[in-house]
Amino acid sequence: MYTDMFKTFSEQTEKALSPYVKFNKLLAKNVETLTELQLTAVRTYGDMGLSQVKAASSVTDVTSMTAFGGQQMAAMTKLSQQMMDDSNKLQSIAKEFKEDLEQLTADNVKAATPA
């Protein structure tokens, strides 16, 4: 008797909390993806900055200054492209999260609506 009661209670609780569990998993996946993107971006931008500091420290005369100036333009182009790529990745992650959240909401509304 008590076994059936606890089993029923457990099943009802699991069913009631299922949307929250799904949402938490979706949120955790999104946070993980964003964290990976941010760590990669920090590493990339840090490497770019460090390489520019090293290049600037090697300037010793007019010739090396001219070469450094040309290298700066290439570095700015690379930085701009990296920022555009990161922006596109972030937009993609946000779009995917929005779509997954809309699907989760639609599924929950469908499950909660009597047929």
Protein backbone atom coordinates (compact mmCIF):
# COMPACT_ATOMS: atom_id res chain seq x y z
CA MET A 1 0.00 0.00 0.00
CA TYR A 2 2.68 2.49 1.00
CA THR A 3 4.86 1.31 -1.85
CA ASP A 4 2.17 2.19 -4.39
CA MET A 5 1.58 5.55 -2.73
CA PHE A 6 5.29 6.44 -2.80
CA LYS A 7 5.59 5.18 -6.37
CA THR A 8 2.66 7.36 -7.47
CA PHE A 9 4.03 10.35 -5.58
CA SER A 10 7.44 9.83 -7.15
CA GLU A 11 6.02 9.57 -10.66
CA GLN A 12 3.89 12.70 -10.20
CA THR A 13 6.83 14.65 -8.81
CA GLU A 14 9.05 13.53 -11.67
CA LYS A 15 6.40 14.54 -14.19
CA ALA A 16 5.87 17.93 -12.52
CA LEU A 17 9.58 18.71 -12.33
CA SER A 18 10.44 17.44 -15.81
CA PRO A 19 10.17 20.87 -17.50
CA TYR A 20 12.50 22.38 -14.90
CA VAL A 21 15.05 19.62 -15.42
CA LYS A 22 14.93 20.09 -19.20
CA PHE A 23 15.30 23.86 -18.82
CA ASN A 24 18.25 23.48 -16.45
CA LYS A 25 19.98 21.09 -18.87
CA LEU A 26 19.40 23.52 -21.74
CA LEU A 27 20.72 26.42 -19.68
CA ALA A 28 23.78 24.45 -18.56
CA LYS A 29 24.56 23.50 -22.16
CA ASN A 30 24.27 27.14 -23.22
CA VAL A 31 26.49 28.37 -20.38
CA GLU A 32 29.09 25.73 -21.26
CA THR A 33 29.09 26.77 -24.92
CA LEU A 34 29.37 30.46 -24.04
CA THR A 35 32.19 29.77 -21.60
CA GLU A 36 34.13 27.84 -24.24
CA LEU A 37 33.63 30.69 -26.71
CA GLN A 38 34.80 33.27 -24.19
CA LEU A 39 37.85 31.27 -23.14
CA THR A 40 38.84 30.76 -26.77
CA ALA A 41 38.35 34.47 -27.48
CA VAL A 42 40.44 35.51 -24.47
CA ARG A 43 43.21 33.14 -25.50
CA THR A 44 43.14 34.35 -29.11
CA TYR A 45 43.06 38.06 -28.26
CA GLY A 46 45.74 37.58 -25.63
CA ASP A 47 48.01 35.85 -28.14
CA MET A 48 47.40 38.63 -30.65
CA GLY A 49 48.21 41.32 -28.10
CA LEU A 50 51.30 39.53 -26.89
CA SER A 51 52.61 39.10 -30.41
CA GLN A 52 52.13 42.83 -31.01
CA VAL A 53 54.01 43.72 -27.83
CA LYS A 54 56.87 41.43 -28.92
CA ALA A 55 56.85 42.99 -32.37
CA ALA A 56 56.88 46.51 -30.89
CA SER A 57 59.79 45.62 -28.63
CA SER A 58 61.86 44.57 -31.64
CA VAL A 59 61.67 48.03 -33.23
CA THR A 60 65.21 49.42 -33.18
CA ASP A 61 65.50 51.64 -36.26
CA VAL A 62 63.52 53.28 -39.05
CA THR A 63 63.46 50.12 -41.17
CA SER A 64 62.09 47.96 -38.38
CA MET A 65 59.64 50.78 -37.53
CA THR A 66 58.35 50.73 -41.11
CA ALA A 67 58.02 46.95 -41.05
CA PHE A 68 56.20 47.17 -37.72
CA GLY A 69 53.78 49.73 -39.18
CA GLY A 70 52.95 47.38 -42.05
CA GLN A 71 52.54 44.52 -39.63
CA GLN A 72 50.10 46.60 -37.57
CA MET A 73 47.74 46.89 -40.53
CA ALA A 74 47.75 43.11 -40.98
CA ALA A 75 47.20 42.65 -37.25
CA MET A 76 44.23 45.03 -37.27
CA THR A 77 42.72 43.17 -40.22
CA LYS A 78 43.17 39.87 -38.41
CA LEU A 79 41.67 41.34 -35.22
CA SER A 80 38.66 42.70 -37.12
CA GLN A 81 38.07 39.34 -38.78
CA GLN A 82 38.37 37.51 -35.45
CA MET A 83 35.87 39.89 -33.84
CA MET A 84 33.42 39.35 -36.70
CA ASP A 85 33.81 35.57 -36.40
CA ASP A 86 33.25 35.70 -32.65
CA SER A 87 30.20 37.90 -33.12
CA ASN A 88 28.75 35.45 -35.64
CA LYS A 89 29.39 32.53 -33.29
CA LEU A 90 27.70 34.39 -30.44
CA GLN A 91 24.67 35.15 -32.61
CA SER A 92 24.49 31.50 -33.64
CA ILE A 93 24.62 30.34 -30.02
CA ALA A 94 21.90 32.83 -29.03
CA LYS A 95 19.70 31.79 -31.96
CA GLU A 96 20.09 28.10 -31.12
CA PHE A 97 19.27 28.73 -27.45
CA LYS A 98 16.18 30.73 -28.42
CA GLU A 99 14.97 28.00 -30.76
CA ASP A 100 15.59 25.27 -28.16
CA LEU A 101 13.77 27.32 -25.52
CA GLU A 102 10.82 27.92 -27.83
CA GLN A 103 10.65 24.19 -28.59
CA LEU A 104 10.78 23.36 -24.88
CA THR A 105 7.99 25.84 -24.18
CA ALA A 106 5.86 24.50 -27.02
CA ASP A 107 6.37 20.93 -25.80
CA ASN A 108 5.37 21.90 -22.26
CA VAL A 109 2.28 23.77 -23.43
CA LYS A 110 1.31 20.80 -25.60
CA ALA A 111 1.79 18.40 -22.67
CA ALA A 112 -0.20 20.61 -20.31
CA THR A 113 -3.10 21.24 -22.69
CA PRO A 114 -5.82 18.64 -22.48
CA ALA A 115 -6.56 16.90 -25.77
